[in-house]
């Protein structure tokens, strides 16, 4: 279940994201260039050990490691799912 309202424009540097009870989904739209989002700066939990890339998915194994992250870098037309 989402914990925030749907957005109508990009939030941080044009990156769209939505927060859910168990994590967050990020999407960098076409034409926005490469963007880095620092998770603490957008109000996600300050315990960065609790935020991690999802492991075991069929995506890029270099990204989907299950390791904790404090920021994410999204290429143009890229997305990321993070779990708390």
N, C-alpha and C. Protein backbone atom coordinates (compact mmCIF):
# COMPACT_ATOMS: atom_id res chain seq x y z
N UNK A 1 0.84 -1.17 0.00
CA UNK A 1 0.00 0.00 0.00
C UNK A 1 0.88 1.24 0.00
N UNK A 2 0.56 2.19 -0.85
CA UNK A 2 1.32 3.43 -0.93
C UNK A 2 1.13 4.25 0.35
N UNK A 3 2.20 4.92 0.77
CA UNK A 3 2.13 5.76 1.96
C UNK A 3 2.17 7.25 1.62
N UNK A 4 2.20 7.56 0.33
CA UNK A 4 2.18 8.95 -0.10
C UNK A 4 1.18 9.11 -1.24
N UNK A 5 0.94 10.34 -1.61
CA UNK A 5 -0.02 10.62 -2.68
C UNK A 5 0.65 10.44 -4.04
N UNK A 6 -0.12 10.05 -5.06
CA UNK A 6 0.45 9.98 -6.41
C UNK A 6 0.96 11.36 -6.82
N UNK A 7 2.07 11.39 -7.52
CA UNK A 7 2.61 12.67 -7.94
C UNK A 7 2.18 12.99 -9.36
N UNK A 8 2.20 14.27 -9.67
CA UNK A 8 1.81 14.71 -11.01
C UNK A 8 2.98 15.29 -11.78
N UNK A 9 4.10 15.51 -11.10
CA UNK A 9 5.35 15.97 -11.73
C UNK A 9 6.51 15.26 -11.04
N UNK A 10 7.68 15.27 -11.70
CA UNK A 10 8.88 14.70 -11.08
C UNK A 10 9.19 15.41 -9.77
N UNK A 11 9.78 14.69 -8.85
CA UNK A 11 10.07 15.27 -7.54
C UNK A 11 11.50 15.76 -7.43
N UNK A 12 12.44 14.89 -7.23
CA UNK A 12 13.83 15.25 -6.99
C UNK A 12 14.60 15.22 -8.31
N UNK A 13 15.02 16.38 -8.79
CA UNK A 13 15.77 16.49 -10.05
C UNK A 13 15.03 15.84 -11.20
N UNK A 14 13.71 15.89 -11.17
CA UNK A 14 12.90 15.32 -12.23
C UNK A 14 12.63 13.83 -12.11
N UNK A 15 13.16 13.19 -11.05
CA UNK A 15 12.94 11.76 -10.84
C UNK A 15 11.60 11.56 -10.14
N UNK A 16 10.84 10.62 -10.65
CA UNK A 16 9.56 10.26 -10.05
C UNK A 16 9.78 9.14 -9.06
N UNK A 17 9.07 9.18 -7.92
CA UNK A 17 9.13 8.05 -7.00
C UNK A 17 7.85 7.94 -6.19
N UNK A 18 7.63 6.76 -5.68
CA UNK A 18 6.45 6.50 -4.86
C UNK A 18 6.88 5.61 -3.70
N UNK A 19 6.46 5.95 -2.50
CA UNK A 19 6.83 5.23 -1.30
C UNK A 19 5.70 4.30 -0.89
N UNK A 20 6.05 3.07 -0.57
CA UNK A 20 5.11 2.05 -0.13
C UNK A 20 5.51 1.56 1.26
N UNK A 21 4.66 0.79 1.90
CA UNK A 21 4.93 0.32 3.25
C UNK A 21 6.25 -0.45 3.32
N UNK A 22 6.62 -1.19 2.29
CA UNK A 22 7.83 -2.01 2.34
C UNK A 22 8.99 -1.51 1.51
N UNK A 23 8.85 -0.33 0.89
CA UNK A 23 9.95 0.16 0.06
C UNK A 23 9.54 1.32 -0.80
N UNK A 24 10.32 1.57 -1.84
CA UNK A 24 10.05 2.69 -2.73
C UNK A 24 10.43 2.31 -4.15
N UNK A 25 9.73 2.91 -5.10
CA UNK A 25 9.98 2.70 -6.52
C UNK A 25 10.39 4.05 -7.12
N UNK A 26 11.46 4.05 -7.90
CA UNK A 26 11.99 5.26 -8.54
C UNK A 26 11.98 5.08 -10.05
N UNK A 27 11.73 6.18 -10.78
CA UNK A 27 11.73 6.14 -12.23
C UNK A 27 12.29 7.46 -12.75
N UNK A 28 13.29 7.35 -13.60
CA UNK A 28 13.87 8.53 -14.23
C UNK A 28 13.40 8.57 -15.68
N UNK A 29 12.59 9.55 -16.05
CA UNK A 29 11.99 9.56 -17.38
C UNK A 29 12.97 9.88 -18.51
N UNK A 30 12.55 9.56 -19.71
CA UNK A 30 13.31 9.85 -20.93
C UNK A 30 13.61 11.35 -21.01
N UNK A 31 14.86 11.67 -21.36
CA UNK A 31 15.24 13.06 -21.53
C UNK A 31 15.69 13.75 -20.26
N UNK A 32 15.70 13.06 -19.11
CA UNK A 32 16.07 13.68 -17.84
C UNK A 32 17.56 13.55 -17.54
N UNK A 33 18.29 12.77 -18.33
CA UNK A 33 19.72 12.59 -18.08
C UNK A 33 19.99 11.71 -16.88
N UNK A 34 21.24 11.52 -16.55
CA UNK A 34 21.64 10.72 -15.40
C UNK A 34 21.40 11.52 -14.13
N UNK A 35 20.74 10.92 -13.14
CA UNK A 35 20.42 11.61 -11.88
C UNK A 35 20.78 10.74 -10.69
N UNK A 36 21.30 11.38 -9.64
CA UNK A 36 21.57 10.70 -8.38
C UNK A 36 20.61 11.23 -7.33
N UNK A 37 19.99 10.33 -6.59
CA UNK A 37 19.06 10.70 -5.52
C UNK A 37 19.65 10.21 -4.20
N UNK A 38 19.87 11.13 -3.25
CA UNK A 38 20.31 10.78 -1.91
C UNK A 38 19.06 10.50 -1.09
N UNK A 39 18.94 9.29 -0.59
CA UNK A 39 17.68 8.84 0.01
C UNK A 39 17.30 9.63 1.26
N UNK A 40 18.26 9.98 2.10
CA UNK A 40 17.94 10.75 3.31
C UNK A 40 17.39 12.13 2.95
N UNK A 41 17.81 12.69 1.83
CA UNK A 41 17.38 14.04 1.46
C UNK A 41 15.92 14.09 1.04
N UNK A 42 15.32 12.94 0.75
CA UNK A 42 13.92 12.94 0.34
C UNK A 42 13.01 12.40 1.44
N UNK A 43 13.58 12.23 2.64
CA UNK A 43 12.75 11.85 3.78
C UNK A 43 12.54 10.37 3.97
N UNK A 44 13.31 9.54 3.30
CA UNK A 44 13.22 8.10 3.56
C UNK A 44 13.92 7.81 4.88
N UNK A 45 13.71 6.65 5.48
CA UNK A 45 14.28 6.37 6.80
C UNK A 45 15.77 6.68 6.86
N UNK A 46 16.20 7.27 8.00
CA UNK A 46 17.60 7.64 8.14
C UNK A 46 18.49 6.44 8.45
N UNK A 47 17.90 5.31 8.82
CA UNK A 47 18.68 4.09 9.03
C UNK A 47 18.96 3.47 7.67
N UNK A 48 20.04 3.88 7.05
CA UNK A 48 20.32 3.44 5.69
C UNK A 48 20.59 1.95 5.60
N UNK A 49 20.89 1.30 6.71
CA UNK A 49 21.06 -0.15 6.68
C UNK A 49 19.74 -0.85 6.39
N UNK A 50 18.64 -0.12 6.56
CA UNK A 50 17.32 -0.72 6.33
C UNK A 50 16.86 -0.54 4.89
N UNK A 51 17.61 0.20 4.10
CA UNK A 51 17.22 0.40 2.70
C UNK A 51 18.20 -0.36 1.83
N UNK A 52 17.69 -1.22 0.96
CA UNK A 52 18.59 -2.05 0.16
C UNK A 52 18.02 -2.29 -1.22
N UNK A 53 18.91 -2.53 -2.16
CA UNK A 53 18.51 -2.99 -3.47
C UNK A 53 17.91 -4.38 -3.31
N UNK A 54 16.98 -4.74 -4.15
CA UNK A 54 16.34 -6.05 -4.08
C UNK A 54 17.27 -7.09 -4.69
N UNK A 55 17.51 -8.17 -3.96
CA UNK A 55 18.37 -9.22 -4.48
C UNK A 55 17.53 -10.30 -5.13
N UNK A 56 18.16 -11.07 -6.01
CA UNK A 56 17.50 -12.21 -6.62
C UNK A 56 16.53 -11.88 -7.73
N UNK A 57 16.49 -10.64 -8.19
CA UNK A 57 15.58 -10.31 -9.28
C UNK A 57 16.26 -10.62 -10.61
N UNK A 58 15.54 -10.47 -11.68
CA UNK A 58 16.10 -10.78 -13.00
C UNK A 58 16.80 -9.57 -13.60
N UNK A 59 16.90 -8.47 -12.88
CA UNK A 59 17.57 -7.28 -13.37
C UNK A 59 19.08 -7.42 -13.30
N UNK A 60 19.76 -6.30 -13.36
CA UNK A 60 21.21 -6.24 -13.37
C UNK A 60 21.77 -6.75 -12.03
N UNK A 61 22.53 -7.86 -12.04
CA UNK A 61 23.06 -8.41 -10.79
C UNK A 61 24.08 -7.48 -10.11
N UNK A 62 24.68 -6.55 -10.86
CA UNK A 62 25.59 -5.59 -10.25
C UNK A 62 24.84 -4.56 -9.41
N UNK A 63 23.56 -4.36 -9.70
CA UNK A 63 22.74 -3.40 -8.95
C UNK A 63 21.88 -4.12 -7.92
N UNK A 64 21.26 -5.22 -8.30
CA UNK A 64 20.33 -5.94 -7.42
C UNK A 64 21.09 -6.91 -6.52
N UNK A 65 21.86 -6.32 -5.59
CA UNK A 65 22.75 -7.08 -4.73
C UNK A 65 22.15 -7.41 -3.37
N UNK A 66 21.13 -6.69 -2.95
CA UNK A 66 20.59 -6.84 -1.61
C UNK A 66 21.35 -6.03 -0.58
N UNK A 67 22.39 -5.31 -1.00
CA UNK A 67 23.18 -4.50 -0.08
C UNK A 67 22.51 -3.16 0.21
N UNK A 68 22.79 -2.61 1.38
CA UNK A 68 22.23 -1.32 1.77
C UNK A 68 22.81 -0.20 0.91
N UNK A 69 21.99 0.81 0.67
CA UNK A 69 22.41 1.97 -0.12
C UNK A 69 21.96 3.25 0.56
N UNK A 70 22.68 4.34 0.31
CA UNK A 70 22.26 5.65 0.83
C UNK A 70 21.87 6.59 -0.30
N UNK A 71 22.23 6.21 -1.53
CA UNK A 71 21.83 6.98 -2.70
C UNK A 71 21.74 6.02 -3.88
N UNK A 72 21.04 6.47 -4.92
CA UNK A 72 20.95 5.68 -6.14
C UNK A 72 21.22 6.60 -7.32
N UNK A 73 21.85 6.06 -8.35
CA UNK A 73 22.07 6.80 -9.59
C UNK A 73 21.27 6.11 -10.68
N UNK A 74 20.41 6.89 -11.33
CA UNK A 74 19.54 6.37 -12.37
C UNK A 74 19.95 6.94 -13.72
N UNK A 75 20.13 6.08 -14.67
CA UNK A 75 20.38 6.51 -16.04
C UNK A 75 19.08 7.06 -16.62
N UNK A 76 19.17 7.75 -17.73
CA UNK A 76 17.98 8.20 -18.44
C UNK A 76 17.12 6.97 -18.77
N UNK A 77 15.82 7.04 -18.52
CA UNK A 77 14.86 5.94 -18.74
C UNK A 77 15.18 4.71 -17.90
N UNK A 78 15.59 4.92 -16.64
CA UNK A 78 15.96 3.84 -15.73
C UNK A 78 15.01 3.85 -14.54
N UNK A 79 14.91 2.74 -13.86
CA UNK A 79 14.08 2.65 -12.67
C UNK A 79 14.76 1.79 -11.63
N UNK A 80 14.28 1.88 -10.39
CA UNK A 80 14.85 1.09 -9.32
C UNK A 80 13.79 0.83 -8.27
N UNK A 81 13.80 -0.37 -7.72
CA UNK A 81 12.93 -0.72 -6.58
C UNK A 81 13.83 -0.95 -5.39
N UNK A 82 13.50 -0.31 -4.26
CA UNK A 82 14.26 -0.48 -3.03
C UNK A 82 13.33 -0.99 -1.94
N UNK A 83 13.84 -1.84 -1.07
CA UNK A 83 13.04 -2.33 0.05
C UNK A 83 13.56 -1.74 1.36
N UNK A 84 12.66 -1.57 2.32
CA UNK A 84 13.06 -1.07 3.65
C UNK A 84 13.43 -2.26 4.50
